[in-house]
Amino acid sequence: MGQWGAQGYAQQGYTYDQILNAYYPGTELGQTATTSIRVLLASGKKTLTISSKKPVTVEDGDGVDHTLPAGSTTLTPALELAVDGAPAQPLTPPLTFSPAAGSTLTLGRRYRGRILVDVPSKKLRAINVLGLQQYLYGVVPVEMPSSWLPAALQAQAVAGRSYALASRKAG
């Protein structure tokens, strides 16, 4: 969907669903039961650095929760972390990093939601696991200025949500 075109339609009085119909004729609006998505952030890495301004909960592959202190942590494929006040120890993958309430995780940049780290083929992979609405909070502002008309922004949100759901892959 062309963002400037969507804004132009909105300026002519089109509603978000009319804008979407102009770009995607014959499609129907509907609802989804999907509430979260996974977005690949990094793959095939030797190291990853995750940080947070508040302590982080780390769930290991055995389902055990650990506490990682605030600050920056560099991961290697060994997945050795100093958690729960103890010296660094290897944890069973995959690891799911969950920020404290009101906080975010940083992996090169800030991310909403959780970050799952696993080690396929002896290299690190990071996946952002977040709610579909949280995903839109990051996508729509990149695509359109917040000062644009609500109908254009709503059309972008529906298009972004639809793209995220349509481009999902198993695994």
N, C-alpha and C. Protein backbone atom coordinates (compact mmCIF):
# COMPACT_ATOMS: atom_id res chain seq x y z
N MET A 1 0.85 -1.17 0.00
CA MET A 1 0.00 0.00 0.00
C MET A 1 0.90 1.24 0.00
N GLY A 2 0.58 2.20 -0.82
CA GLY A 2 1.33 3.45 -0.85
C GLY A 2 0.89 4.37 0.27
N GLN A 3 1.81 4.71 1.17
CA GLN A 3 1.44 5.52 2.32
C GLN A 3 0.96 6.91 1.92
N TRP A 4 1.66 7.55 0.97
CA TRP A 4 1.23 8.88 0.55
C TRP A 4 -0.14 8.80 -0.13
N GLY A 5 -0.36 7.74 -0.87
CA GLY A 5 -1.67 7.56 -1.50
C GLY A 5 -2.77 7.36 -0.48
N ALA A 6 -2.46 6.60 0.58
CA ALA A 6 -3.43 6.39 1.65
C ALA A 6 -3.77 7.71 2.32
N GLN A 7 -2.76 8.54 2.54
CA GLN A 7 -3.01 9.87 3.12
C GLN A 7 -3.87 10.70 2.18
N GLY A 8 -3.59 10.62 0.88
CA GLY A 8 -4.40 11.35 -0.11
C GLY A 8 -5.85 10.91 -0.10
N TYR A 9 -6.07 9.61 -0.03
CA TYR A 9 -7.44 9.10 0.07
C TYR A 9 -8.12 9.61 1.34
N ALA A 10 -7.38 9.59 2.46
CA ALA A 10 -7.94 10.06 3.73
C ALA A 10 -8.31 11.54 3.63
N GLN A 11 -7.48 12.32 2.94
CA GLN A 11 -7.78 13.75 2.77
C GLN A 11 -9.05 13.95 1.93
N GLN A 12 -9.38 12.98 1.10
CA GLN A 12 -10.61 13.05 0.30
C GLN A 12 -11.81 12.50 1.04
N GLY A 13 -11.62 12.10 2.30
CA GLY A 13 -12.74 11.64 3.12
C GLY A 13 -12.93 10.14 3.16
N TYR A 14 -12.02 9.37 2.55
CA TYR A 14 -12.14 7.91 2.59
C TYR A 14 -11.92 7.40 4.01
N THR A 15 -12.61 6.34 4.39
CA THR A 15 -12.38 5.67 5.67
C THR A 15 -11.28 4.64 5.45
N TYR A 16 -10.75 4.09 6.54
CA TYR A 16 -9.65 3.14 6.41
C TYR A 16 -10.03 1.93 5.56
N ASP A 17 -11.26 1.43 5.72
CA ASP A 17 -11.66 0.26 4.94
C ASP A 17 -11.84 0.61 3.46
N GLN A 18 -12.25 1.82 3.16
CA GLN A 18 -12.34 2.26 1.76
C GLN A 18 -10.94 2.40 1.16
N ILE A 19 -10.00 2.90 1.94
CA ILE A 19 -8.62 3.01 1.47
C ILE A 19 -8.06 1.62 1.16
N LEU A 20 -8.28 0.69 2.07
CA LEU A 20 -7.80 -0.67 1.86
C LEU A 20 -8.43 -1.30 0.63
N ASN A 21 -9.72 -1.05 0.42
CA ASN A 21 -10.41 -1.60 -0.75
C ASN A 21 -9.86 -1.00 -2.05
N ALA A 22 -9.42 0.25 -2.00
CA ALA A 22 -8.84 0.87 -3.19
C ALA A 22 -7.51 0.21 -3.56
N TYR A 23 -6.75 -0.20 -2.56
CA TYR A 23 -5.46 -0.85 -2.81
C TYR A 23 -5.57 -2.35 -3.00
N TYR A 24 -6.48 -2.96 -2.31
CA TYR A 24 -6.62 -4.42 -2.35
C TYR A 24 -8.07 -4.79 -2.67
N PRO A 25 -8.52 -4.52 -3.89
CA PRO A 25 -9.92 -4.81 -4.24
C PRO A 25 -10.25 -6.30 -4.09
N GLY A 26 -11.43 -6.56 -3.60
CA GLY A 26 -11.88 -7.93 -3.46
C GLY A 26 -11.50 -8.59 -2.15
N THR A 27 -10.70 -7.94 -1.34
CA THR A 27 -10.35 -8.54 -0.06
C THR A 27 -11.41 -8.19 0.97
N GLU A 28 -11.48 -9.01 2.00
CA GLU A 28 -12.45 -8.78 3.06
C GLU A 28 -11.73 -8.57 4.38
N LEU A 29 -12.25 -7.67 5.19
CA LEU A 29 -11.70 -7.46 6.52
C LEU A 29 -12.24 -8.54 7.45
N GLY A 30 -11.41 -8.97 8.37
CA GLY A 30 -11.81 -9.99 9.32
C GLY A 30 -11.01 -9.86 10.59
N GLN A 31 -11.21 -10.82 11.47
CA GLN A 31 -10.49 -10.82 12.73
C GLN A 31 -9.63 -12.08 12.80
N THR A 32 -8.63 -12.02 13.65
CA THR A 32 -7.75 -13.17 13.83
C THR A 32 -7.68 -13.54 15.30
N ALA A 33 -7.45 -14.80 15.55
CA ALA A 33 -7.25 -15.26 16.92
C ALA A 33 -5.78 -15.15 17.30
N THR A 34 -4.91 -14.92 16.32
CA THR A 34 -3.48 -14.81 16.59
C THR A 34 -3.20 -13.55 17.40
N THR A 35 -2.52 -13.71 18.50
CA THR A 35 -2.24 -12.56 19.34
C THR A 35 -0.76 -12.23 19.42
N SER A 36 0.10 -13.17 19.01
CA SER A 36 1.53 -12.87 19.06
C SER A 36 2.21 -13.36 17.79
N ILE A 37 3.36 -12.76 17.52
CA ILE A 37 4.14 -13.16 16.35
C ILE A 37 5.60 -13.28 16.77
N ARG A 38 6.38 -13.86 15.88
CA ARG A 38 7.81 -14.04 16.08
C ARG A 38 8.53 -13.36 14.93
N VAL A 39 9.54 -12.55 15.25
CA VAL A 39 10.29 -11.83 14.24
C VAL A 39 11.77 -12.17 14.41
N LEU A 40 12.37 -12.70 13.34
CA LEU A 40 13.79 -13.04 13.39
C LEU A 40 14.62 -11.76 13.48
N LEU A 41 15.47 -11.68 14.49
CA LEU A 41 16.32 -10.50 14.68
C LEU A 41 17.76 -10.75 14.24
N ALA A 42 18.26 -11.95 14.50
CA ALA A 42 19.65 -12.27 14.17
C ALA A 42 19.78 -13.78 14.00
N SER A 43 20.67 -14.18 13.11
CA SER A 43 20.89 -15.61 12.88
C SER A 43 22.34 -15.83 12.46
N GLY A 44 22.91 -16.96 12.89
CA GLY A 44 24.27 -17.30 12.50
C GLY A 44 25.33 -16.44 13.17
N LYS A 45 25.07 -15.93 14.37
CA LYS A 45 25.99 -15.03 15.06
C LYS A 45 26.89 -15.80 16.03
N LYS A 46 28.12 -15.30 16.19
CA LYS A 46 29.05 -15.86 17.16
C LYS A 46 28.79 -15.31 18.55
N THR A 47 28.33 -14.05 18.61
CA THR A 47 27.98 -13.43 19.88
C THR A 47 26.74 -12.56 19.69
N LEU A 48 26.02 -12.37 20.78
CA LEU A 48 24.89 -11.44 20.85
C LEU A 48 24.99 -10.72 22.18
N THR A 49 24.70 -9.42 22.17
CA THR A 49 24.71 -8.66 23.42
C THR A 49 23.30 -8.16 23.71
N ILE A 50 22.76 -8.63 24.82
CA ILE A 50 21.43 -8.23 25.27
C ILE A 50 21.59 -7.37 26.50
N SER A 51 20.82 -6.30 26.57
CA SER A 51 20.90 -5.45 27.75
C SER A 51 19.52 -4.95 28.15
N SER A 52 19.44 -4.51 29.41
CA SER A 52 18.22 -3.94 29.95
C SER A 52 18.59 -3.06 31.13
N LYS A 53 17.80 -2.04 31.37
CA LYS A 53 18.04 -1.15 32.51
C LYS A 53 17.51 -1.73 33.81
N LYS A 54 16.72 -2.79 33.71
CA LYS A 54 16.16 -3.45 34.89
C LYS A 54 16.51 -4.94 34.81
N PRO A 55 16.43 -5.66 35.95
CA PRO A 55 16.70 -7.11 35.90
C PRO A 55 15.78 -7.81 34.90
N VAL A 56 16.27 -8.90 34.35
CA VAL A 56 15.57 -9.65 33.30
C VAL A 56 15.31 -11.06 33.81
N THR A 57 14.14 -11.59 33.49
CA THR A 57 13.85 -13.00 33.77
C THR A 57 14.30 -13.81 32.56
N VAL A 58 15.05 -14.86 32.82
CA VAL A 58 15.51 -15.75 31.75
C VAL A 58 14.94 -17.14 32.03
N GLU A 59 14.10 -17.61 31.11
CA GLU A 59 13.57 -18.97 31.24
C GLU A 59 14.43 -19.87 30.36
N ASP A 60 14.97 -20.92 30.94
CA ASP A 60 15.80 -21.83 30.15
C ASP A 60 14.94 -22.90 29.48
N GLY A 61 15.58 -23.74 28.69
CA GLY A 61 14.87 -24.77 27.95
C GLY A 61 14.21 -25.82 28.82
N ASP A 62 14.59 -25.87 30.10
CA ASP A 62 13.97 -26.81 31.04
C ASP A 62 12.76 -26.19 31.74
N GLY A 63 12.46 -24.91 31.40
CA GLY A 63 11.32 -24.22 32.01
C GLY A 63 11.63 -23.58 33.35
N VAL A 64 12.92 -23.49 33.70
CA VAL A 64 13.32 -22.89 34.98
C VAL A 64 13.58 -21.40 34.76
N ASP A 65 13.01 -20.57 35.63
CA ASP A 65 13.23 -19.13 35.57
C ASP A 65 14.45 -18.73 36.37
N HIS A 66 15.24 -17.83 35.80
CA HIS A 66 16.43 -17.29 36.45
C HIS A 66 16.35 -15.77 36.38
N THR A 67 17.10 -15.10 37.25
CA THR A 67 17.15 -13.64 37.22
C THR A 67 18.53 -13.20 36.75
N LEU A 68 18.53 -12.37 35.72
CA LEU A 68 19.75 -11.78 35.17
C LEU A 68 19.76 -10.33 35.61
N PRO A 69 20.86 -9.88 36.23
CA PRO A 69 20.86 -8.48 36.70
C PRO A 69 20.80 -7.48 35.55
N ALA A 70 20.39 -6.28 35.87
CA ALA A 70 20.35 -5.20 34.88
C ALA A 70 21.74 -4.99 34.31
N GLY A 71 21.77 -4.49 33.09
CA GLY A 71 23.05 -4.23 32.44
C GLY A 71 23.14 -4.97 31.13
N SER A 72 24.36 -5.19 30.70
CA SER A 72 24.63 -5.77 29.40
C SER A 72 25.25 -7.16 29.56
N THR A 73 24.79 -8.11 28.76
CA THR A 73 25.29 -9.48 28.79
C THR A 73 25.62 -9.92 27.38
N THR A 74 26.84 -10.42 27.19
CA THR A 74 27.22 -10.95 25.87
C THR A 74 27.09 -12.46 25.90
N LEU A 75 26.33 -12.97 24.95
CA LEU A 75 26.09 -14.41 24.84
C LEU A 75 26.99 -15.01 23.78
N THR A 76 27.43 -16.23 24.04
CA THR A 76 28.13 -17.05 23.05
C THR A 76 27.30 -18.33 22.89
N PRO A 77 27.62 -19.17 21.92
CA PRO A 77 26.85 -20.41 21.77
C PRO A 77 26.87 -21.32 23.00
N ALA A 78 27.80 -21.12 23.92
CA ALA A 78 27.81 -21.92 25.15
C ALA A 78 26.67 -21.55 26.08
N LEU A 79 26.07 -20.37 25.88
CA LEU A 79 24.95 -19.87 26.70
C LEU A 79 25.27 -19.92 28.19
N GLU A 80 26.46 -19.46 28.54
CA GLU A 80 26.85 -19.36 29.94
C GLU A 80 26.50 -17.98 30.46
N LEU A 81 25.67 -17.95 31.51
CA LEU A 81 25.21 -16.68 32.09
C LEU A 81 25.38 -16.68 33.60
N ALA A 82 25.71 -15.52 34.13
CA ALA A 82 25.76 -15.33 35.58
C ALA A 82 24.36 -14.92 36.03
N VAL A 83 23.58 -15.90 36.44
CA VAL A 83 22.20 -15.65 36.85
C VAL A 83 22.02 -15.99 38.33
N ASP A 84 20.99 -15.45 38.91
CA ASP A 84 20.61 -15.74 40.29
C ASP A 84 21.75 -15.46 41.28
N GLY A 85 22.62 -14.50 40.95
CA GLY A 85 23.73 -14.15 41.83
C GLY A 85 24.86 -15.16 41.85
N ALA A 86 24.80 -16.17 41.01
CA ALA A 86 25.83 -17.21 40.97
C ALA A 86 26.83 -16.92 39.84
N PRO A 87 27.98 -17.59 39.85
CA PRO A 87 28.93 -17.43 38.75
C PRO A 87 28.30 -17.92 37.44
N ALA A 88 28.91 -17.57 36.34
CA ALA A 88 28.41 -17.98 35.02
C ALA A 88 28.28 -19.49 34.94
N GLN A 89 27.16 -19.93 34.40
CA GLN A 89 26.89 -21.35 34.24
C GLN A 89 26.16 -21.56 32.92
N PRO A 90 26.37 -22.70 32.27
CA PRO A 90 25.65 -22.95 31.02
C PRO A 90 24.17 -23.23 31.31
N LEU A 91 23.30 -22.64 30.49
CA LEU A 91 21.86 -22.87 30.62
C LEU A 91 21.39 -23.66 29.40
N THR A 92 20.35 -24.45 29.60
CA THR A 92 19.79 -25.27 28.53
C THR A 92 19.00 -24.41 27.55
N PRO A 93 19.34 -24.47 26.26
CA PRO A 93 18.58 -23.67 25.28
C PRO A 93 17.22 -24.30 25.00
N PRO A 94 16.31 -23.52 24.44
CA PRO A 94 16.41 -22.09 24.14
C PRO A 94 16.22 -21.26 25.41
N LEU A 95 16.76 -20.05 25.39
CA LEU A 95 16.60 -19.12 26.50
C LEU A 95 15.60 -18.05 26.08
N THR A 96 14.66 -17.74 26.96
CA THR A 96 13.69 -16.68 26.70
C THR A 96 13.93 -15.56 27.69
N PHE A 97 14.33 -14.40 27.17
CA PHE A 97 14.62 -13.21 27.98
C PHE A 97 13.35 -12.36 28.04
N SER A 98 12.85 -12.11 29.25
CA SER A 98 11.65 -11.30 29.44
C SER A 98 11.99 -10.07 30.26
N PRO A 99 11.69 -8.88 29.74
CA PRO A 99 12.02 -7.67 30.48
C PRO A 99 11.10 -7.48 31.68
N ALA A 100 11.57 -6.71 32.65
CA ALA A 100 10.73 -6.34 33.79
C ALA A 100 9.61 -5.43 33.29
N ALA A 101 8.55 -5.34 34.06
CA ALA A 101 7.42 -4.48 33.70
C ALA A 101 7.91 -3.06 33.44
N GLY A 102 7.45 -2.48 32.34
CA GLY A 102 7.81 -1.10 32.00
C GLY A 102 9.20 -0.96 31.40
N SER A 103 9.85 -2.08 31.10
CA SER A 103 11.20 -2.04 30.56
C SER A 103 11.22 -2.71 29.18
N THR A 104 12.32 -2.55 28.48
CA THR A 104 12.51 -3.20 27.18
C THR A 104 13.86 -3.89 27.17
N LEU A 105 14.04 -4.74 26.18
CA LEU A 105 15.33 -5.39 25.97
C LEU A 105 16.01 -4.71 24.79
N THR A 106 17.33 -4.68 24.83
CA THR A 106 18.10 -4.11 23.74
C THR A 106 18.99 -5.18 23.15
N LEU A 107 18.93 -5.29 21.84
CA LEU A 107 19.81 -6.18 21.07
C LEU A 107 20.22 -5.37 19.84
N GLY A 108 21.14 -4.44 20.06
CA GLY A 108 21.50 -3.50 18.99
C GLY A 108 20.56 -2.30 18.98
N ARG A 109 19.29 -2.54 19.23
CA ARG A 109 18.27 -1.50 19.39
C ARG A 109 17.22 -2.04 20.35
N ARG A 110 16.32 -1.19 20.79
CA ARG A 110 15.30 -1.60 21.76
C ARG A 110 14.20 -2.43 21.08
N TYR A 111 13.73 -3.44 21.80
CA TYR A 111 12.65 -4.29 21.31
C TYR A 111 11.58 -4.45 22.38
N ARG A 112 10.34 -4.42 21.94
CA ARG A 112 9.22 -4.75 22.82
C ARG A 112 9.14 -6.27 22.90
N GLY A 113 8.48 -6.78 23.91
CA GLY A 113 8.27 -8.21 24.01
C GLY A 113 9.49 -8.93 24.56
N ARG A 114 9.52 -10.24 24.28
CA ARG A 114 10.59 -11.11 24.77
C ARG A 114 11.57 -11.41 23.64
N ILE A 115 12.75 -11.84 24.00
CA ILE A 115 13.72 -12.28 23.00
C ILE A 115 14.11 -13.71 23.32
N LEU A 116 13.89 -14.59 22.34
CA LEU A 116 14.23 -15.99 22.47
C LEU A 116 15.57 -16.20 21.77
N VAL A 117 16.50 -16.85 22.45
CA VAL A 117 17.82 -17.13 21.88
C VAL A 117 18.03 -18.63 21.89
N ASP A 118 18.38 -19.18 20.72
CA ASP A 118 18.73 -20.58 20.64
C ASP A 118 20.02 -20.74 19.84
N VAL A 119 20.47 -22.00 19.70
CA VAL A 119 21.77 -22.25 19.08
C VAL A 119 21.65 -23.34 18.01
N PRO A 120 21.03 -23.04 16.88
CA PRO A 120 21.03 -24.03 15.80
C PRO A 120 22.38 -23.99 15.08
N SER A 121 22.91 -25.13 14.72
CA SER A 121 24.17 -25.24 13.97
C SER A 121 25.33 -24.50 14.66
N LYS A 122 25.35 -24.53 15.98
CA LYS A 122 26.42 -23.95 16.80
C LYS A 122 26.59 -22.44 16.64
N LYS A 123 25.56 -21.76 16.15
CA LYS A 123 25.55 -20.30 16.02
C LYS A 123 24.30 -19.78 16.71
N LEU A 124 24.37 -18.53 17.17
CA LEU A 124 23.25 -17.93 17.89
C LEU A 124 22.18 -17.40 16.95
N ARG A 125 20.93 -17.56 17.39
CA ARG A 125 19.79 -16.99 16.67
C ARG A 125 18.91 -16.30 17.71
N ALA A 126 18.44 -15.09 17.38
CA ALA A 126 17.56 -14.33 18.27
C ALA A 126 16.25 -14.06 17.57
N ILE A 127 15.16 -14.29 18.30
CA ILE A 127 13.81 -14.09 17.78
C ILE A 127 13.04 -13.23 18.76
N ASN A 128 12.42 -12.17 18.24
CA ASN A 128 11.57 -11.30 19.06
C ASN A 128 10.17 -11.92 19.09
N VAL A 129 9.68 -12.21 20.27
CA VAL A 129 8.33 -12.76 20.45
C VAL A 129 7.51 -11.67 21.11
N LEU A 130 6.50 -11.18 20.39
CA LEU A 130 5.73 -10.06 20.90
C LEU A 130 4.30 -10.11 20.42
N GLY A 131 3.47 -9.35 21.11
CA GLY A 131 2.07 -9.26 20.73
C GLY A 131 1.92 -8.55 19.40
N LEU A 132 0.89 -8.92 18.67
CA LEU A 132 0.64 -8.32 17.36
C LEU A 132 0.45 -6.81 17.49
N GLN A 133 -0.22 -6.36 18.53
CA GLN A 133 -0.41 -4.93 18.73
C GLN A 133 0.91 -4.24 19.04
N GLN A 134 1.76 -4.87 19.86
CA GLN A 134 3.08 -4.31 20.15
C GLN A 134 3.90 -4.19 18.87
N TYR A 135 3.78 -5.17 17.99
CA TYR A 135 4.48 -5.14 16.70
C TYR A 135 4.06 -3.89 15.92
N LEU A 136 2.76 -3.62 15.91
CA LEU A 136 2.27 -2.45 15.17
C LEU A 136 2.79 -1.15 15.76
N TYR A 137 2.96 -1.09 17.08
CA TYR A 137 3.50 0.12 17.70
C TYR A 137 4.90 0.44 17.18
N GLY A 138 5.62 -0.57 16.74
CA GLY A 138 6.94 -0.35 16.18
C GLY A 138 6.93 -0.12 14.68
N VAL A 139 5.95 -0.67 13.98
CA VAL A 139 5.93 -0.61 12.52
C VAL A 139 5.24 0.64 11.98
N VAL A 140 4.06 0.94 12.46
CA VAL A 140 3.28 2.04 11.88
C VAL A 140 4.02 3.38 11.97
N PRO A 141 4.65 3.73 13.09
CA PRO A 141 5.36 5.02 13.14
C PRO A 141 6.54 5.11 12.16
N VAL A 142 7.09 3.98 11.77
CA VAL A 142 8.18 3.98 10.80
C VAL A 142 7.63 4.23 9.39
N GLU A 143 6.41 3.80 9.17
CA GLU A 143 5.80 3.90 7.85
C GLU A 143 5.11 5.24 7.60
N MET A 144 4.55 5.85 8.64
CA MET A 144 3.76 7.08 8.49
C MET A 144 3.94 8.01 9.68
N PRO A 145 3.96 9.32 9.45
CA PRO A 145 4.01 10.27 10.57
C PRO A 145 2.72 10.21 11.38
N SER A 146 2.83 10.38 12.67
CA SER A 146 1.65 10.32 13.55
C SER A 146 0.69 11.48 13.30
N SER A 147 1.15 12.51 12.62
CA SER A 147 0.29 13.66 12.34
C SER A 147 -0.66 13.43 11.17
N TRP A 148 -0.50 12.30 10.47
CA TRP A 148 -1.37 12.02 9.33
C TRP A 148 -2.77 11.68 9.81
N LEU A 149 -3.71 11.74 8.89
CA LEU A 149 -5.12 11.50 9.22
C LEU A 149 -5.33 10.09 9.77
N PRO A 150 -6.24 9.96 10.74
CA PRO A 150 -6.49 8.66 11.35
C PRO A 150 -6.85 7.56 10.35
N ALA A 151 -7.61 7.86 9.33
CA ALA A 151 -8.00 6.81 8.37
C ALA A 151 -6.77 6.23 7.68
N ALA A 152 -5.79 7.07 7.34
CA ALA A 152 -4.56 6.58 6.71
C ALA A 152 -3.77 5.72 7.70
N LEU A 153 -3.67 6.17 8.95
CA LEU A 153 -2.95 5.41 9.96
C LEU A 153 -3.63 4.07 10.24
N GLN A 154 -4.96 4.09 10.30
CA GLN A 154 -5.71 2.85 10.52
C GLN A 154 -5.51 1.88 9.36
N ALA A 155 -5.52 2.39 8.14
CA ALA A 155 -5.30 1.54 6.97
C ALA A 155 -3.90 0.93 7.04
N GLN A 156 -2.90 1.72 7.45
CA GLN A 156 -1.53 1.21 7.57
C GLN A 156 -1.45 0.13 8.64
N ALA A 157 -2.16 0.33 9.75
CA ALA A 157 -2.15 -0.67 10.82
C ALA A 157 -2.75 -1.99 10.34
N VAL A 158 -3.85 -1.93 9.61
CA VAL A 158 -4.46 -3.15 9.09
C VAL A 158 -3.53 -3.82 8.08
N ALA A 159 -2.93 -3.02 7.19
CA ALA A 159 -2.02 -3.57 6.19
C ALA A 159 -0.79 -4.19 6.86
N GLY A 160 -0.24 -3.52 7.88
CA GLY A 160 0.92 -4.05 8.60
C GLY A 160 0.59 -5.34 9.34
N ARG A 161 -0.55 -5.37 9.99
CA ARG A 161 -0.99 -6.57 10.69
C ARG A 161 -1.20 -7.70 9.70
N SER A 162 -1.84 -7.40 8.59
CA SER A 162 -2.09 -8.43 7.57
C SER A 162 -0.79 -8.98 7.00
N TYR A 163 0.17 -8.09 6.74
CA TYR A 163 1.46 -8.53 6.22
C TYR A 163 2.16 -9.44 7.22
N ALA A 164 2.16 -9.05 8.49
CA ALA A 164 2.82 -9.86 9.51
C ALA A 164 2.21 -11.25 9.59
N LEU A 165 0.89 -11.32 9.51
CA LEU A 165 0.22 -12.62 9.60
C LEU A 165 0.41 -13.44 8.33
N ALA A 166 0.40 -12.79 7.18
CA ALA A 166 0.53 -13.50 5.90
C ALA A 166 1.95 -14.01 5.67
N SER A 167 2.95 -13.35 6.26
CA SER A 167 4.33 -13.74 5.99
C SER A 167 4.91 -14.64 7.08
N ARG A 168 4.08 -15.12 7.99
CA ARG A 168 4.57 -16.03 9.03
C ARG A 168 5.05 -17.32 8.39
N LYS A 169 6.07 -17.89 9.02
CA LYS A 169 6.59 -19.20 8.59
C LYS A 169 6.61 -20.12 9.78
N ALA A 170 6.41 -21.38 9.52
CA ALA A 170 6.43 -22.35 10.60
C ALA A 170 7.85 -22.49 11.15
N GLY A 171 7.94 -22.78 12.43
CA GLY A 171 9.26 -23.04 13.02
C GLY A 171 9.65 -22.05 14.04
